[in-house]
């Protein structure tokens, strides 16, 4: 890997981890504050507040993607495709379990995005190690 890509990857890791830490803080803070708020504009703003750190994470990823060379972009695309397949399978599995009354996961859609991101990261690491 070139030094330019190494630098872009280090910057991406820092920006992404910072955004995800902020996401956790904002999410739990907004949930805590929302307990005492009546439905309306303030509650809507609290509900959407965690999207701000998610947007920062998206910007960090796009900066990394556009700094990547052809090989790195191929790894990114391969990891995304595999993650999407695993994510679809997981979503269908949860959906069937829920519809048959076997299992109920209250926040299934809330955790689907972070699940796909984690799956993409793990898949990319595996592909990088493979070679």
C-alpha atoms as a PDB file:
ATOM      1  CA  UNK A   1       0.000   0.000   0.000  1.00  0.00           C
ATOM      2  CA  UNK A   2       1.297   3.440  -0.845  1.00  0.00           C
ATOM      3  CA  UNK A   3       2.007   6.033   1.811  1.00  0.00           C
ATOM      4  CA  UNK A   4      -0.795   8.202   0.404  1.00  0.00           C
ATOM      5  CA  UNK A   5      -3.323   5.413   0.936  1.00  0.00           C
ATOM      6  CA  UNK A   6      -1.894   4.594   4.383  1.00  0.00           C
ATOM      7  CA  UNK A   7      -2.306   8.234   5.363  1.00  0.00           C
ATOM      8  CA  UNK A   8      -5.871   8.299   3.987  1.00  0.00           C
ATOM      9  CA  UNK A   9      -6.705   5.109   5.887  1.00  0.00           C
ATOM     10  CA  UNK A  10      -5.326   6.468   9.174  1.00  0.00           C
ATOM     11  CA  UNK A  11      -7.325   9.675   8.693  1.00  0.00           C
ATOM     12  CA  UNK A  12     -10.440   7.640   7.873  1.00  0.00           C
ATOM     13  CA  UNK A  13     -10.048   5.457  10.981  1.00  0.00           C
ATOM     14  CA  UNK A  14      -9.658   8.513  13.204  1.00  0.00           C
ATOM     15  CA  UNK A  15     -12.589  10.390  11.646  1.00  0.00           C
ATOM     16  CA  UNK A  16     -14.828   7.303  11.617  1.00  0.00           C
ATOM     17  CA  UNK A  17     -14.079   6.288  15.214  1.00  0.00           C
ATOM     18  CA  UNK A  18     -14.593   9.875  16.362  1.00  0.00           C
ATOM     19  CA  UNK A  19     -17.939  10.027  14.540  1.00  0.00           C
ATOM     20  CA  UNK A  20     -19.053   6.680  15.996  1.00  0.00           C
ATOM     21  CA  UNK A  21     -18.064   7.720  19.515  1.00  0.00           C
ATOM     22  CA  UNK A  22     -20.040  10.902  19.030  1.00  0.00           C
ATOM     23  CA  UNK A  23     -22.922   8.793  17.655  1.00  0.00           C
ATOM     24  CA  UNK A  24     -23.055   6.718  20.839  1.00  0.00           C
ATOM     25  CA  UNK A  25     -22.967   9.785  23.056  1.00  0.00           C
ATOM     26  CA  UNK A  26     -25.624  11.636  21.049  1.00  0.00           C
ATOM     27  CA  UNK A  27     -27.862   8.560  20.760  1.00  0.00           C
ATOM     28  CA  UNK A  28     -27.920   7.802  24.463  1.00  0.00           C
ATOM     29  CA  UNK A  29     -28.118  11.482  25.383  1.00  0.00           C
ATOM     30  CA  UNK A  30     -31.038  12.050  23.029  1.00  0.00           C
ATOM     31  CA  UNK A  31     -32.846   8.957  24.365  1.00  0.00           C
ATOM     32  CA  UNK A  32     -32.329  10.202  27.919  1.00  0.00           C
ATOM     33  CA  UNK A  33     -33.567  13.720  27.146  1.00  0.00           C
ATOM     34  CA  UNK A  34     -36.513  12.479  25.058  1.00  0.00           C
ATOM     35  CA  UNK A  35     -38.171  10.819  28.059  1.00  0.00           C
ATOM     36  CA  UNK A  36     -39.519  14.139  29.316  1.00  0.00           C
ATOM     37  CA  UNK A  37     -40.301  15.780  25.964  1.00  0.00           C
ATOM     38  CA  UNK A  38     -43.784  15.997  24.473  1.00  0.00           C
ATOM     39  CA  UNK A  39     -44.252  15.023  20.809  1.00  0.00           C
ATOM     40  CA  UNK A  40     -43.399  17.932  18.537  1.00  0.00           C
ATOM     41  CA  UNK A  41     -40.470  19.698  16.947  1.00  0.00           C
ATOM     42  CA  UNK A  42     -38.065  19.226  19.881  1.00  0.00           C
ATOM     43  CA  UNK A  43     -38.733  15.485  20.038  1.00  0.00           C
ATOM     44  CA  UNK A  44     -38.261  15.235  16.271  1.00  0.00           C
ATOM     45  CA  UNK A  45     -34.931  17.044  16.555  1.00  0.00           C
ATOM     46  CA  UNK A  46     -33.826  14.721  19.375  1.00  0.00           C
ATOM     47  CA  UNK A  47     -34.850  11.671  17.331  1.00  0.00           C
ATOM     48  CA  UNK A  48     -32.815  12.850  14.340  1.00  0.00           C
ATOM     49  CA  UNK A  49     -29.805  14.134  16.317  1.00  0.00           C
ATOM     50  CA  UNK A  50     -27.848  10.848  15.961  1.00  0.00           C
ATOM     51  CA  UNK A  51     -27.957  11.320  12.185  1.00  0.00           C
ATOM     52  CA  UNK A  52     -25.443  14.184  12.437  1.00  0.00           C
ATOM     53  CA  UNK A  53     -22.545  11.905  13.516  1.00  0.00           C
ATOM     54  CA  UNK A  54     -23.694   9.342  10.926  1.00  0.00           C
ATOM     55  CA  UNK A  55     -23.371  12.042   8.259  1.00  0.00           C
ATOM     56  CA  UNK A  56     -19.846  12.798   9.527  1.00  0.00           C
ATOM     57  CA  UNK A  57     -18.980   9.103   9.230  1.00  0.00           C
ATOM     58  CA  UNK A  58     -20.338   9.066   5.671  1.00  0.00           C
ATOM     59  CA  UNK A  59     -18.199  12.070   4.768  1.00  0.00           C
ATOM     60  CA  UNK A  60     -15.137  10.339   6.263  1.00  0.00           C
ATOM     61  CA  UNK A  61     -15.844   7.227   4.185  1.00  0.00           C
ATOM     62  CA  UNK A  62     -16.301   9.213   0.968  1.00  0.00           C
ATOM     63  CA  UNK A  63     -13.020  11.045   1.551  1.00  0.00           C
ATOM     64  CA  UNK A  64     -11.283   7.694   2.032  1.00  0.00           C
ATOM     65  CA  UNK A  65     -12.995   6.166  -1.007  1.00  0.00           C
ATOM     66  CA  UNK A  66     -11.999   9.010  -3.325  1.00  0.00           C
ATOM     67  CA  UNK A  67      -8.399   8.882  -2.057  1.00  0.00           C
ATOM     68  CA  UNK A  68      -8.193   5.121  -2.717  1.00  0.00           C
ATOM     69  CA  UNK A  69      -6.447   3.565  -5.677  1.00  0.00           C
ATOM     70  CA  UNK A  70      -8.028   0.996  -8.003  1.00  0.00           C
ATOM     71  CA  UNK A  71      -6.999  -2.018  -5.883  1.00  0.00           C
ATOM     72  CA  UNK A  72      -8.369  -0.477  -2.702  1.00  0.00           C
ATOM     73  CA  UNK A  73     -11.630   0.484  -4.403  1.00  0.00           C
ATOM     74  CA  UNK A  74     -11.979  -3.123  -5.578  1.00  0.00           C
ATOM     75  CA  UNK A  75     -11.547  -4.343  -1.982  1.00  0.00           C
ATOM     76  CA  UNK A  76     -14.115  -1.802  -0.813  1.00  0.00           C
ATOM     77  CA  UNK A  77     -16.603  -2.943  -3.470  1.00  0.00           C
ATOM     78  CA  UNK A  78     -16.040  -6.652  -2.784  1.00  0.00           C
ATOM     79  CA  UNK A  79     -16.499  -6.135   0.956  1.00  0.00           C
ATOM     80  CA  UNK A  80     -19.656  -4.097   0.318  1.00  0.00           C
ATOM     81  CA  UNK A  81     -21.153  -6.805  -1.898  1.00  0.00           C
ATOM     82  CA  UNK A  82     -20.468  -9.584   0.624  1.00  0.00           C
ATOM     83  CA  UNK A  83     -21.761  -7.433   3.496  1.00  0.00           C
ATOM     84  CA  UNK A  84     -24.932  -6.649   1.588  1.00  0.00           C
ATOM     85  CA  UNK A  85     -25.616 -10.349   1.013  1.00  0.00           C
ATOM     86  CA  UNK A  86     -25.033 -11.181   4.686  1.00  0.00           C
ATOM     87  CA  UNK A  87     -27.175  -8.202   5.726  1.00  0.00           C
ATOM     88  CA  UNK A  88     -30.057  -9.227   3.476  1.00  0.00           C
ATOM     89  CA  UNK A  89     -29.879 -12.778   4.824  1.00  0.00           C
ATOM     90  CA  UNK A  90     -29.856 -11.489   8.422  1.00  0.00           C
ATOM     91  CA  UNK A  91     -32.788  -9.124   7.778  1.00  0.00           C
ATOM     92  CA  UNK A  92     -34.839 -11.897   6.186  1.00  0.00           C
ATOM     93  CA  UNK A  93     -33.999 -14.248   9.039  1.00  0.00           C
ATOM     94  CA  UNK A  94     -35.126 -11.709  11.653  1.00  0.00           C
ATOM     95  CA  UNK A  95     -38.232 -10.937   9.597  1.00  0.00           C
ATOM     96  CA  UNK A  96     -39.265 -14.587   9.356  1.00  0.00           C
ATOM     97  CA  UNK A  97     -38.583 -15.229  13.036  1.00  0.00           C
ATOM     98  CA  UNK A  98     -40.636 -12.172  13.933  1.00  0.00           C
ATOM     99  CA  UNK A  99     -43.540 -12.967  11.583  1.00  0.00           C
ATOM    100  CA  UNK A 100     -43.815 -16.511  12.969  1.00  0.00           C
ATOM    101  CA  UNK A 101     -43.714 -15.193  16.540  1.00  0.00           C
ATOM    102  CA  UNK A 102     -40.471 -16.990  17.419  1.00  0.00           C
ATOM    103  CA  UNK A 103     -38.326 -13.942  18.102  1.00  0.00           C
ATOM    104  CA  UNK A 104     -38.944 -10.243  18.495  1.00  0.00           C
ATOM    105  CA  UNK A 105     -36.176  -7.701  18.111  1.00  0.00           C
ATOM    106  CA  UNK A 106     -37.595  -4.268  18.870  1.00  0.00           C
ATOM    107  CA  UNK A 107     -34.890  -2.123  17.262  1.00  0.00           C
ATOM    108  CA  UNK A 108     -34.159  -4.268  14.223  1.00  0.00           C
ATOM    109  CA  UNK A 109     -34.000  -1.399  11.714  1.00  0.00           C
ATOM    110  CA  UNK A 110     -32.086   0.866  14.088  1.00  0.00           C
ATOM    111  CA  UNK A 111     -29.248  -1.656  14.315  1.00  0.00           C
ATOM    112  CA  UNK A 112     -29.253  -2.715  10.665  1.00  0.00           C
ATOM    113  CA  UNK A 113     -26.974   0.148   9.552  1.00  0.00           C
ATOM    114  CA  UNK A 114     -24.336  -0.401  12.242  1.00  0.00           C
ATOM    115  CA  UNK A 115     -24.519  -4.153  11.543  1.00  0.00           C
ATOM    116  CA  UNK A 116     -23.775  -3.566   7.844  1.00  0.00           C
ATOM    117  CA  UNK A 117     -20.934  -1.187   8.665  1.00  0.00           C
ATOM    118  CA  UNK A 118     -19.363  -3.683  11.069  1.00  0.00           C
ATOM    119  CA  UNK A 119     -19.838  -6.494   8.551  1.00  0.00           C
ATOM    120  CA  UNK A 120     -18.207  -4.393   5.823  1.00  0.00           C
ATOM    121  CA  UNK A 121     -15.227  -3.615   8.067  1.00  0.00           C
ATOM    122  CA  UNK A 122     -14.746  -7.252   9.066  1.00  0.00           C
ATOM    123  CA  UNK A 123     -15.121  -8.452   5.479  1.00  0.00           C
ATOM    124  CA  UNK A 124     -12.635  -5.862   4.230  1.00  0.00           C
ATOM    125  CA  UNK A 125     -10.101  -6.982   6.857  1.00  0.00           C
ATOM    126  CA  UNK A 126     -10.548 -10.602   5.818  1.00  0.00           C
ATOM    127  CA  UNK A 127     -10.116  -9.705   2.154  1.00  0.00           C
ATOM    128  CA  UNK A 128      -6.997  -7.661   2.950  1.00  0.00           C
ATOM    129  CA  UNK A 129      -5.467 -10.580   4.880  1.00  0.00           C
ATOM    130  CA  UNK A 130      -6.382 -12.996   2.117  1.00  0.00           C
ATOM    131  CA  UNK A 131      -4.456 -11.053  -0.219  1.00  0.00           C
END
